[in-house]
Amino acid sequence: MQPKHPSESRTLMTDMVLPSETNPINNLFGGELLARMDRAASIAARRHSRRITVTASVNHVAFNQAVPLGSVLTVEAAVSRAFRTSMEVYIDVWMEDRFTGERSKANEAIYTFVAVDENGKPTEVPQLEPETEQEKERYAGALRRKQLSLVLAGKMKPNEATELKALFLDSPD
C-alpha cells in the first residue's frame, strides 16, 4: 500500500446550530457536538483507508468554548497517524462569529478508528506521510498517545513504552 498524505483524508463539515440541538441556556449540547465530530472523523478515516471504519475510542475531547444557538460550526477532521489497522483522527472545531465572519477554534478532539473488512475483522490501512509542521507534530504525538493508552489499559508494560520514556529521559530537568 502506498502511504497517503493527511490532506487526502481531510473532511470539513459545516452546519448551523439549531434550537433542537441546544440546552436550556441555548448552547449546543456536548453530545450533539460529539456526534458531529464522530461523523467527520469517520469520513476522514474511511477516506484514508477506503474501508469500513468503526470508532474504537474517543481519546480526548476539549470543550473549550460554548457554542451558542445560531452559530455556524465547521468540524475539520484528518487522520494524524495510521498504525497497522487503526488510525488516529485529530478533529478541530471552528466557530464563525455571526457578525464579523471571523473563525475561532472552539473545541478539539482525538478519536481512534479501526478499519474492518466486510466481516468486521480488522484490516490493514495505508501508512501516512505528514507534510506540514502541524501534521508532523500530530503524527509524532500519536505514537505517544497510543502508548499511553496501551499502558493505562494494561496492554503494554510501562518499560516497553519507548516514546513515553523518551519524553522523560530526554528532558533537561
N, C-alpha and C. Protein backbone atom coordinates (compact mmCIF):
# COMPACT_ATOMS: atom_id res chain seq x y z
N MET A 1 0.84 -1.18 0.00
CA MET A 1 0.00 0.00 0.00
C MET A 1 0.88 1.24 0.00
N GLN A 2 0.50 2.20 -0.83
CA GLN A 2 1.22 3.47 -0.88
C GLN A 2 0.84 4.34 0.31
N PRO A 3 1.83 4.99 0.94
CA PRO A 3 1.49 5.93 2.01
C PRO A 3 0.66 7.08 1.45
N LYS A 4 -0.18 7.65 2.30
CA LYS A 4 -1.04 8.76 1.90
C LYS A 4 -0.69 10.00 2.70
N HIS A 5 -1.12 11.14 2.19
CA HIS A 5 -0.91 12.41 2.87
C HIS A 5 -2.19 12.77 3.65
N PRO A 6 -2.04 13.46 4.80
CA PRO A 6 -3.22 13.82 5.59
C PRO A 6 -4.28 14.58 4.81
N SER A 7 -3.87 15.38 3.83
CA SER A 7 -4.84 16.15 3.06
C SER A 7 -5.80 15.25 2.29
N GLU A 8 -5.40 14.02 2.00
CA GLU A 8 -6.27 13.10 1.28
C GLU A 8 -7.45 12.62 2.13
N SER A 9 -7.32 12.75 3.45
CA SER A 9 -8.42 12.31 4.32
C SER A 9 -9.20 13.47 4.91
N ARG A 10 -8.69 14.69 4.74
CA ARG A 10 -9.30 15.86 5.39
C ARG A 10 -10.78 15.97 5.05
N THR A 11 -11.57 16.17 6.09
CA THR A 11 -13.02 16.29 5.96
C THR A 11 -13.47 17.56 6.65
N LEU A 12 -14.25 18.35 5.95
CA LEU A 12 -14.83 19.56 6.52
C LEU A 12 -16.35 19.43 6.49
N MET A 13 -16.98 19.63 7.64
CA MET A 13 -18.44 19.61 7.71
C MET A 13 -18.89 20.91 8.36
N THR A 14 -19.68 21.69 7.64
CA THR A 14 -20.15 22.97 8.16
C THR A 14 -21.66 22.90 8.32
N ASP A 15 -22.13 23.39 9.48
CA ASP A 15 -23.55 23.32 9.79
C ASP A 15 -23.89 24.41 10.79
N MET A 16 -25.17 24.71 10.91
CA MET A 16 -25.64 25.71 11.86
C MET A 16 -26.24 25.03 13.09
N VAL A 17 -26.09 25.65 14.25
CA VAL A 17 -26.66 25.14 15.50
C VAL A 17 -28.13 25.55 15.56
N LEU A 18 -29.00 24.54 15.61
CA LEU A 18 -30.45 24.76 15.61
C LEU A 18 -31.03 24.66 17.02
N PRO A 19 -32.23 25.22 17.24
CA PRO A 19 -32.82 25.20 18.59
C PRO A 19 -32.95 23.81 19.20
N SER A 20 -33.27 22.80 18.40
CA SER A 20 -33.46 21.45 18.95
C SER A 20 -32.14 20.81 19.41
N GLU A 21 -31.01 21.44 19.10
CA GLU A 21 -29.69 20.90 19.45
C GLU A 21 -29.07 21.62 20.65
N THR A 22 -29.86 22.47 21.31
CA THR A 22 -29.29 23.28 22.39
C THR A 22 -29.88 22.92 23.75
N ASN A 23 -29.13 23.29 24.79
CA ASN A 23 -29.54 23.08 26.17
C ASN A 23 -30.38 24.26 26.65
N PRO A 24 -30.83 24.27 27.90
CA PRO A 24 -31.68 25.36 28.40
C PRO A 24 -31.06 26.76 28.35
N ILE A 25 -29.73 26.85 28.22
CA ILE A 25 -29.13 28.19 28.10
C ILE A 25 -28.70 28.48 26.65
N ASN A 26 -29.32 27.75 25.73
CA ASN A 26 -29.15 27.97 24.29
C ASN A 26 -27.74 27.77 23.77
N ASN A 27 -27.02 26.82 24.36
CA ASN A 27 -25.72 26.41 23.83
C ASN A 27 -25.84 24.98 23.30
N LEU A 28 -25.03 24.65 22.29
CA LEU A 28 -25.03 23.33 21.70
C LEU A 28 -24.78 22.26 22.76
N PHE A 29 -25.61 21.21 22.77
CA PHE A 29 -25.37 20.07 23.65
C PHE A 29 -24.01 19.46 23.33
N GLY A 30 -23.26 19.06 24.37
CA GLY A 30 -21.97 18.40 24.17
C GLY A 30 -22.11 17.12 23.37
N GLY A 31 -23.17 16.36 23.63
CA GLY A 31 -23.40 15.11 22.91
C GLY A 31 -23.64 15.33 21.42
N GLU A 32 -24.29 16.43 21.10
CA GLU A 32 -24.52 16.77 19.68
C GLU A 32 -23.19 17.08 19.01
N LEU A 33 -22.32 17.79 19.70
CA LEU A 33 -21.00 18.09 19.14
C LEU A 33 -20.18 16.81 18.98
N LEU A 34 -20.26 15.91 19.98
CA LEU A 34 -19.56 14.63 19.87
C LEU A 34 -20.02 13.85 18.65
N ALA A 35 -21.32 13.85 18.38
CA ALA A 35 -21.85 13.13 17.23
C ALA A 35 -21.34 13.75 15.92
N ARG A 36 -21.31 15.06 15.85
CA ARG A 36 -20.79 15.73 14.65
C ARG A 36 -19.32 15.38 14.44
N MET A 37 -18.55 15.40 15.53
CA MET A 37 -17.13 15.07 15.42
C MET A 37 -16.94 13.62 15.01
N ASP A 38 -17.76 12.72 15.54
CA ASP A 38 -17.66 11.30 15.20
C ASP A 38 -17.94 11.09 13.71
N ARG A 39 -18.96 11.77 13.18
CA ARG A 39 -19.27 11.62 11.75
C ARG A 39 -18.13 12.14 10.87
N ALA A 40 -17.60 13.31 11.19
CA ALA A 40 -16.50 13.86 10.38
C ALA A 40 -15.27 12.98 10.47
N ALA A 41 -14.95 12.49 11.68
CA ALA A 41 -13.78 11.63 11.86
C ALA A 41 -13.96 10.31 11.13
N SER A 42 -15.17 9.77 11.13
CA SER A 42 -15.45 8.53 10.43
C SER A 42 -15.22 8.69 8.93
N ILE A 43 -15.65 9.80 8.38
CA ILE A 43 -15.45 10.05 6.95
C ILE A 43 -13.96 10.17 6.65
N ALA A 44 -13.22 10.89 7.51
CA ALA A 44 -11.77 11.04 7.29
C ALA A 44 -11.08 9.68 7.33
N ALA A 45 -11.43 8.84 8.31
CA ALA A 45 -10.82 7.51 8.43
C ALA A 45 -11.17 6.65 7.22
N ARG A 46 -12.40 6.76 6.77
CA ARG A 46 -12.82 5.97 5.60
C ARG A 46 -12.10 6.44 4.34
N ARG A 47 -11.93 7.75 4.19
CA ARG A 47 -11.21 8.27 3.03
C ARG A 47 -9.76 7.78 3.02
N HIS A 48 -9.17 7.74 4.21
CA HIS A 48 -7.77 7.29 4.29
C HIS A 48 -7.66 5.80 3.96
N SER A 49 -8.51 5.01 4.58
CA SER A 49 -8.37 3.55 4.48
C SER A 49 -9.10 2.93 3.30
N ARG A 50 -10.13 3.65 2.80
CA ARG A 50 -11.01 3.10 1.77
C ARG A 50 -11.65 1.79 2.24
N ARG A 51 -11.95 1.75 3.53
CA ARG A 51 -12.59 0.60 4.18
C ARG A 51 -13.73 1.09 5.05
N ILE A 52 -14.52 0.16 5.53
CA ILE A 52 -15.50 0.46 6.57
C ILE A 52 -14.68 0.77 7.82
N THR A 53 -15.08 1.79 8.56
CA THR A 53 -14.35 2.13 9.78
C THR A 53 -15.31 2.20 10.96
N VAL A 54 -14.81 1.83 12.12
CA VAL A 54 -15.60 1.88 13.34
C VAL A 54 -14.84 2.67 14.40
N THR A 55 -15.58 3.38 15.22
CA THR A 55 -14.97 4.15 16.29
C THR A 55 -14.45 3.19 17.34
N ALA A 56 -13.16 3.25 17.64
CA ALA A 56 -12.57 2.39 18.66
C ALA A 56 -12.53 3.11 20.01
N SER A 57 -12.22 4.42 19.97
CA SER A 57 -12.19 5.17 21.22
C SER A 57 -12.24 6.66 20.94
N VAL A 58 -12.71 7.37 21.96
CA VAL A 58 -12.63 8.82 21.99
C VAL A 58 -11.53 9.10 23.00
N ASN A 59 -10.37 9.50 22.51
CA ASN A 59 -9.19 9.61 23.36
C ASN A 59 -9.11 10.93 24.11
N HIS A 60 -9.64 11.96 23.50
CA HIS A 60 -9.53 13.29 24.11
C HIS A 60 -10.63 14.17 23.54
N VAL A 61 -11.27 14.94 24.39
CA VAL A 61 -12.23 15.95 23.96
C VAL A 61 -12.02 17.17 24.84
N ALA A 62 -11.94 18.33 24.21
CA ALA A 62 -11.84 19.58 24.96
C ALA A 62 -12.98 20.49 24.53
N PHE A 63 -13.89 20.74 25.44
CA PHE A 63 -14.98 21.69 25.19
C PHE A 63 -14.48 23.05 25.68
N ASN A 64 -13.73 23.73 24.86
CA ASN A 64 -13.07 24.98 25.27
C ASN A 64 -13.97 26.20 25.24
N GLN A 65 -14.98 26.17 24.40
CA GLN A 65 -15.81 27.35 24.22
C GLN A 65 -17.25 26.91 23.99
N ALA A 66 -18.19 27.57 24.66
CA ALA A 66 -19.61 27.28 24.44
C ALA A 66 -19.97 27.68 23.01
N VAL A 67 -20.89 26.93 22.42
CA VAL A 67 -21.31 27.20 21.05
C VAL A 67 -22.78 27.60 21.08
N PRO A 68 -23.05 28.90 20.91
CA PRO A 68 -24.43 29.38 21.04
C PRO A 68 -25.33 29.04 19.85
N LEU A 69 -26.62 29.05 20.13
CA LEU A 69 -27.66 28.86 19.13
C LEU A 69 -27.39 29.78 17.94
N GLY A 70 -27.54 29.23 16.74
CA GLY A 70 -27.35 30.03 15.53
C GLY A 70 -25.92 30.09 15.03
N SER A 71 -24.98 29.56 15.81
CA SER A 71 -23.58 29.58 15.38
C SER A 71 -23.38 28.71 14.16
N VAL A 72 -22.42 29.10 13.34
CA VAL A 72 -22.00 28.26 12.22
C VAL A 72 -20.73 27.56 12.65
N LEU A 73 -20.78 26.23 12.66
CA LEU A 73 -19.64 25.41 13.09
C LEU A 73 -19.06 24.68 11.89
N THR A 74 -17.74 24.60 11.87
CA THR A 74 -17.06 23.75 10.90
C THR A 74 -16.23 22.73 11.67
N VAL A 75 -16.51 21.46 11.44
CA VAL A 75 -15.77 20.37 12.05
C VAL A 75 -14.76 19.91 11.00
N GLU A 76 -13.47 19.98 11.36
CA GLU A 76 -12.40 19.60 10.45
C GLU A 76 -11.69 18.38 11.03
N ALA A 77 -11.69 17.29 10.28
CA ALA A 77 -11.09 16.04 10.75
C ALA A 77 -10.09 15.54 9.72
N ALA A 78 -8.96 15.01 10.21
CA ALA A 78 -7.96 14.41 9.32
C ALA A 78 -7.22 13.33 10.10
N VAL A 79 -6.84 12.29 9.40
CA VAL A 79 -6.04 11.24 10.01
C VAL A 79 -4.68 11.83 10.36
N SER A 80 -4.28 11.69 11.63
CA SER A 80 -2.99 12.22 12.05
C SER A 80 -1.90 11.15 12.05
N ARG A 81 -2.31 9.88 12.17
CA ARG A 81 -1.35 8.79 12.06
C ARG A 81 -2.11 7.49 11.81
N ALA A 82 -1.52 6.64 10.99
CA ALA A 82 -2.09 5.32 10.73
C ALA A 82 -1.15 4.29 11.33
N PHE A 83 -1.72 3.33 12.03
CA PHE A 83 -0.94 2.22 12.57
C PHE A 83 -1.25 1.00 11.70
N ARG A 84 -1.25 -0.18 12.22
CA ARG A 84 -1.49 -1.35 11.36
C ARG A 84 -2.93 -1.38 10.85
N THR A 85 -3.89 -1.38 11.78
CA THR A 85 -5.30 -1.40 11.38
C THR A 85 -6.07 -0.20 11.93
N SER A 86 -5.43 0.57 12.78
CA SER A 86 -6.11 1.71 13.40
C SER A 86 -5.56 3.03 12.89
N MET A 87 -6.36 4.06 13.07
CA MET A 87 -5.99 5.41 12.66
C MET A 87 -6.38 6.38 13.76
N GLU A 88 -5.47 7.27 14.08
CA GLU A 88 -5.83 8.37 14.98
C GLU A 88 -6.34 9.51 14.10
N VAL A 89 -7.48 10.07 14.49
CA VAL A 89 -8.07 11.18 13.75
C VAL A 89 -8.13 12.38 14.67
N TYR A 90 -7.52 13.47 14.24
CA TYR A 90 -7.50 14.71 15.01
C TYR A 90 -8.60 15.61 14.47
N ILE A 91 -9.37 16.18 15.38
CA ILE A 91 -10.54 16.98 15.00
C ILE A 91 -10.42 18.38 15.59
N ASP A 92 -10.57 19.38 14.75
CA ASP A 92 -10.63 20.77 15.18
C ASP A 92 -12.02 21.29 14.87
N VAL A 93 -12.62 22.01 15.81
CA VAL A 93 -13.95 22.58 15.62
C VAL A 93 -13.82 24.09 15.61
N TRP A 94 -14.27 24.69 14.52
CA TRP A 94 -14.18 26.14 14.32
C TRP A 94 -15.56 26.75 14.38
N MET A 95 -15.65 27.92 15.00
CA MET A 95 -16.92 28.64 15.11
C MET A 95 -16.75 29.99 14.43
N GLU A 96 -17.75 30.35 13.62
CA GLU A 96 -17.73 31.65 12.95
C GLU A 96 -18.46 32.67 13.81
N ASP A 97 -17.86 33.85 13.95
CA ASP A 97 -18.54 34.95 14.61
C ASP A 97 -19.69 35.38 13.71
N ARG A 98 -20.88 35.48 14.27
CA ARG A 98 -22.07 35.78 13.46
C ARG A 98 -22.03 37.15 12.81
N PHE A 99 -21.27 38.07 13.39
CA PHE A 99 -21.28 39.44 12.90
C PHE A 99 -20.07 39.76 12.02
N THR A 100 -18.89 39.24 12.38
CA THR A 100 -17.68 39.57 11.62
C THR A 100 -17.27 38.48 10.63
N GLY A 101 -17.75 37.26 10.86
CA GLY A 101 -17.36 36.15 9.99
C GLY A 101 -16.02 35.55 10.38
N GLU A 102 -15.35 36.11 11.39
CA GLU A 102 -14.06 35.57 11.83
C GLU A 102 -14.25 34.20 12.44
N ARG A 103 -13.28 33.32 12.17
CA ARG A 103 -13.31 31.96 12.72
C ARG A 103 -12.41 31.87 13.93
N SER A 104 -12.88 31.15 14.95
CA SER A 104 -12.05 30.88 16.12
C SER A 104 -12.20 29.40 16.46
N LYS A 105 -11.13 28.84 17.03
CA LYS A 105 -11.18 27.43 17.40
C LYS A 105 -11.98 27.29 18.68
N ALA A 106 -13.04 26.51 18.61
CA ALA A 106 -13.94 26.35 19.76
C ALA A 106 -13.63 25.09 20.54
N ASN A 107 -13.30 24.00 19.84
CA ASN A 107 -13.11 22.71 20.50
C ASN A 107 -12.16 21.85 19.68
N GLU A 108 -11.69 20.77 20.31
CA GLU A 108 -10.87 19.80 19.59
C GLU A 108 -11.06 18.44 20.21
N ALA A 109 -10.70 17.42 19.44
CA ALA A 109 -10.83 16.05 19.93
C ALA A 109 -9.88 15.15 19.17
N ILE A 110 -9.64 13.99 19.75
CA ILE A 110 -8.85 12.94 19.10
C ILE A 110 -9.62 11.64 19.24
N TYR A 111 -9.92 11.02 18.11
CA TYR A 111 -10.63 9.75 18.08
C TYR A 111 -9.71 8.70 17.48
N THR A 112 -9.99 7.44 17.77
CA THR A 112 -9.30 6.32 17.11
C THR A 112 -10.33 5.49 16.38
N PHE A 113 -10.03 5.18 15.13
CA PHE A 113 -10.89 4.34 14.30
C PHE A 113 -10.12 3.11 13.87
N VAL A 114 -10.84 2.03 13.65
CA VAL A 114 -10.25 0.80 13.13
C VAL A 114 -10.95 0.49 11.80
N ALA A 115 -10.14 0.11 10.81
CA ALA A 115 -10.68 -0.30 9.52
C ALA A 115 -11.04 -1.78 9.61
N VAL A 116 -12.18 -2.13 9.07
CA VAL A 116 -12.62 -3.53 9.10
C VAL A 116 -13.03 -3.96 7.71
N ASP A 117 -13.00 -5.29 7.49
CA ASP A 117 -13.46 -5.84 6.21
C ASP A 117 -14.97 -6.09 6.30
N GLU A 118 -15.50 -6.73 5.28
CA GLU A 118 -16.94 -6.97 5.20
C GLU A 118 -17.45 -7.87 6.33
N ASN A 119 -16.55 -8.62 6.97
CA ASN A 119 -16.93 -9.50 8.08
C ASN A 119 -16.66 -8.88 9.44
N GLY A 120 -16.24 -7.64 9.45
CA GLY A 120 -15.97 -6.96 10.72
C GLY A 120 -14.60 -7.24 11.30
N LYS A 121 -13.73 -7.88 10.55
CA LYS A 121 -12.37 -8.19 11.03
C LYS A 121 -11.45 -7.02 10.70
N PRO A 122 -10.60 -6.61 11.67
CA PRO A 122 -9.65 -5.52 11.39
C PRO A 122 -8.79 -5.82 10.17
N THR A 123 -8.55 -4.80 9.38
CA THR A 123 -7.77 -4.95 8.15
C THR A 123 -6.74 -3.82 8.06
N GLU A 124 -5.64 -4.09 7.40
CA GLU A 124 -4.54 -3.13 7.33
C GLU A 124 -4.94 -1.86 6.58
N VAL A 125 -4.30 -0.77 6.98
CA VAL A 125 -4.55 0.53 6.35
C VAL A 125 -3.23 1.09 5.82
N PRO A 126 -3.30 1.99 4.84
CA PRO A 126 -2.08 2.62 4.34
C PRO A 126 -1.42 3.48 5.42
N GLN A 127 -0.12 3.60 5.36
CA GLN A 127 0.60 4.47 6.28
C GLN A 127 0.38 5.92 5.86
N LEU A 128 0.86 6.83 6.68
CA LEU A 128 0.64 8.26 6.46
C LEU A 128 1.98 8.96 6.33
N GLU A 129 2.08 9.91 5.44
CA GLU A 129 3.27 10.75 5.29
C GLU A 129 2.89 12.19 5.59
N PRO A 130 3.18 12.66 6.81
CA PRO A 130 2.83 14.05 7.13
C PRO A 130 3.70 15.02 6.33
N GLU A 131 3.12 16.18 6.02
CA GLU A 131 3.84 17.17 5.22
C GLU A 131 4.10 18.46 5.99
N THR A 132 3.06 19.06 6.56
CA THR A 132 3.23 20.34 7.24
C THR A 132 3.80 20.14 8.64
N GLU A 133 4.24 21.22 9.25
CA GLU A 133 4.77 21.14 10.62
C GLU A 133 3.70 20.63 11.59
N GLN A 134 2.48 21.13 11.46
CA GLN A 134 1.41 20.68 12.34
C GLN A 134 1.14 19.19 12.15
N GLU A 135 1.11 18.73 10.90
CA GLU A 135 0.89 17.31 10.62
C GLU A 135 2.02 16.47 11.22
N LYS A 136 3.26 16.96 11.15
CA LYS A 136 4.38 16.22 11.72
C LYS A 136 4.30 16.16 13.24
N GLU A 137 3.89 17.26 13.87
CA GLU A 137 3.73 17.27 15.33
C GLU A 137 2.64 16.30 15.77
N ARG A 138 1.50 16.33 15.09
CA ARG A 138 0.40 15.45 15.45
C ARG A 138 0.77 13.99 15.18
N TYR A 139 1.50 13.75 14.11
CA TYR A 139 1.96 12.39 13.77
C TYR A 139 2.86 11.86 14.88
N ALA A 140 3.84 12.64 15.32
CA ALA A 140 4.75 12.21 16.38
C ALA A 140 4.01 11.99 17.70
N GLY A 141 3.11 12.89 18.02
CA GLY A 141 2.35 12.78 19.27
C GLY A 141 1.43 11.58 19.30
N ALA A 142 0.99 11.12 18.13
CA ALA A 142 0.05 10.00 18.07
C ALA A 142 0.64 8.73 18.65
N LEU A 143 1.92 8.47 18.42
CA LEU A 143 2.54 7.27 18.96
C LEU A 143 2.63 7.35 20.49
N ARG A 144 2.96 8.53 21.01
CA ARG A 144 2.99 8.70 22.47
C ARG A 144 1.59 8.49 23.06
N ARG A 145 0.58 9.07 22.41
CA ARG A 145 -0.80 8.91 22.90
C ARG A 145 -1.23 7.45 22.85
N LYS A 146 -0.84 6.74 21.80
CA LYS A 146 -1.20 5.32 21.68
C LYS A 146 -0.51 4.51 22.77
N GLN A 147 0.78 4.75 22.99
CA GLN A 147 1.49 4.00 24.03
C GLN A 147 0.91 4.28 25.40
N LEU A 148 0.57 5.53 25.69
CA LEU A 148 -0.03 5.86 26.98
C LEU A 148 -1.35 5.12 27.15
N SER A 149 -2.16 5.10 26.12
CA SER A 149 -3.44 4.40 26.17
C SER A 149 -3.24 2.90 26.42
N LEU A 150 -2.25 2.30 25.75
CA LEU A 150 -1.98 0.87 25.93
C LEU A 150 -1.46 0.57 27.34
N VAL A 151 -0.62 1.45 27.87
CA VAL A 151 -0.11 1.26 29.23
C VAL A 151 -1.26 1.36 30.23
N LEU A 152 -2.09 2.37 30.09
CA LEU A 152 -3.22 2.55 31.01
C LEU A 152 -4.21 1.40 30.94
N ALA A 153 -4.35 0.79 29.76
CA ALA A 153 -5.27 -0.34 29.58
C ALA A 153 -4.64 -1.67 30.01
N GLY A 154 -3.36 -1.64 30.41
CA GLY A 154 -2.67 -2.86 30.82
C GLY A 154 -2.26 -3.74 29.64
N LYS A 155 -2.25 -3.18 28.42
CA LYS A 155 -1.89 -3.95 27.23
C LYS A 155 -0.42 -3.76 26.84
N MET A 156 0.27 -2.89 27.55
CA MET A 156 1.70 -2.66 27.31
C MET A 156 2.35 -2.36 28.66
N LYS A 157 3.53 -2.91 28.86
CA LYS A 157 4.26 -2.64 30.09
C LYS A 157 4.90 -1.25 29.98
N PRO A 158 4.92 -0.50 31.08
CA PRO A 158 5.49 0.86 31.02
C PRO A 158 6.92 0.89 30.46
N ASN A 159 7.73 -0.13 30.79
CA ASN A 159 9.11 -0.11 30.29
C ASN A 159 9.20 -0.38 28.78
N GLU A 160 8.09 -0.81 28.16
CA GLU A 160 8.07 -1.04 26.71
C GLU A 160 7.63 0.22 25.94
N ALA A 161 7.14 1.21 26.66
CA ALA A 161 6.63 2.44 26.03
C ALA A 161 7.80 3.38 25.73
N THR A 162 8.53 3.07 24.70
CA THR A 162 9.77 3.79 24.38
C THR A 162 9.55 5.28 24.14
N GLU A 163 8.48 5.64 23.47
CA GLU A 163 8.22 7.05 23.18
C GLU A 163 7.90 7.83 24.46
N LEU A 164 7.20 7.19 25.38
CA LEU A 164 6.88 7.85 26.65
C LEU A 164 8.14 8.01 27.49
N LYS A 165 8.95 6.96 27.54
CA LYS A 165 10.21 7.03 28.31
C LYS A 165 11.09 8.14 27.77
N ALA A 166 11.13 8.29 26.45
CA ALA A 166 11.99 9.30 25.83
C ALA A 166 11.57 10.71 26.25
N LEU A 167 10.31 10.90 26.51
CA LEU A 167 9.84 12.21 26.97
C LEU A 167 10.51 12.61 28.28
N PHE A 168 10.66 11.64 29.17
CA PHE A 168 11.19 11.91 30.49
C PHE A 168 12.71 11.79 30.55
N LEU A 169 13.26 10.86 29.81
CA LEU A 169 14.71 10.65 29.85
C LEU A 169 15.46 11.72 29.07
N ASP A 170 14.82 12.28 28.03
CA ASP A 170 15.47 13.29 27.22
C ASP A 170 15.23 14.71 27.71
N SER A 171 14.41 14.87 28.76
CA SER A 171 14.10 16.22 29.22
C SER A 171 15.30 16.77 30.03
N PRO A 172 15.52 18.09 29.96
CA PRO A 172 16.68 18.70 30.64
C PRO A 172 16.56 18.71 32.16
N ASP A 173 15.36 18.57 32.71
CA ASP A 173 15.20 18.61 34.18
C ASP A 173 15.38 17.26 34.82
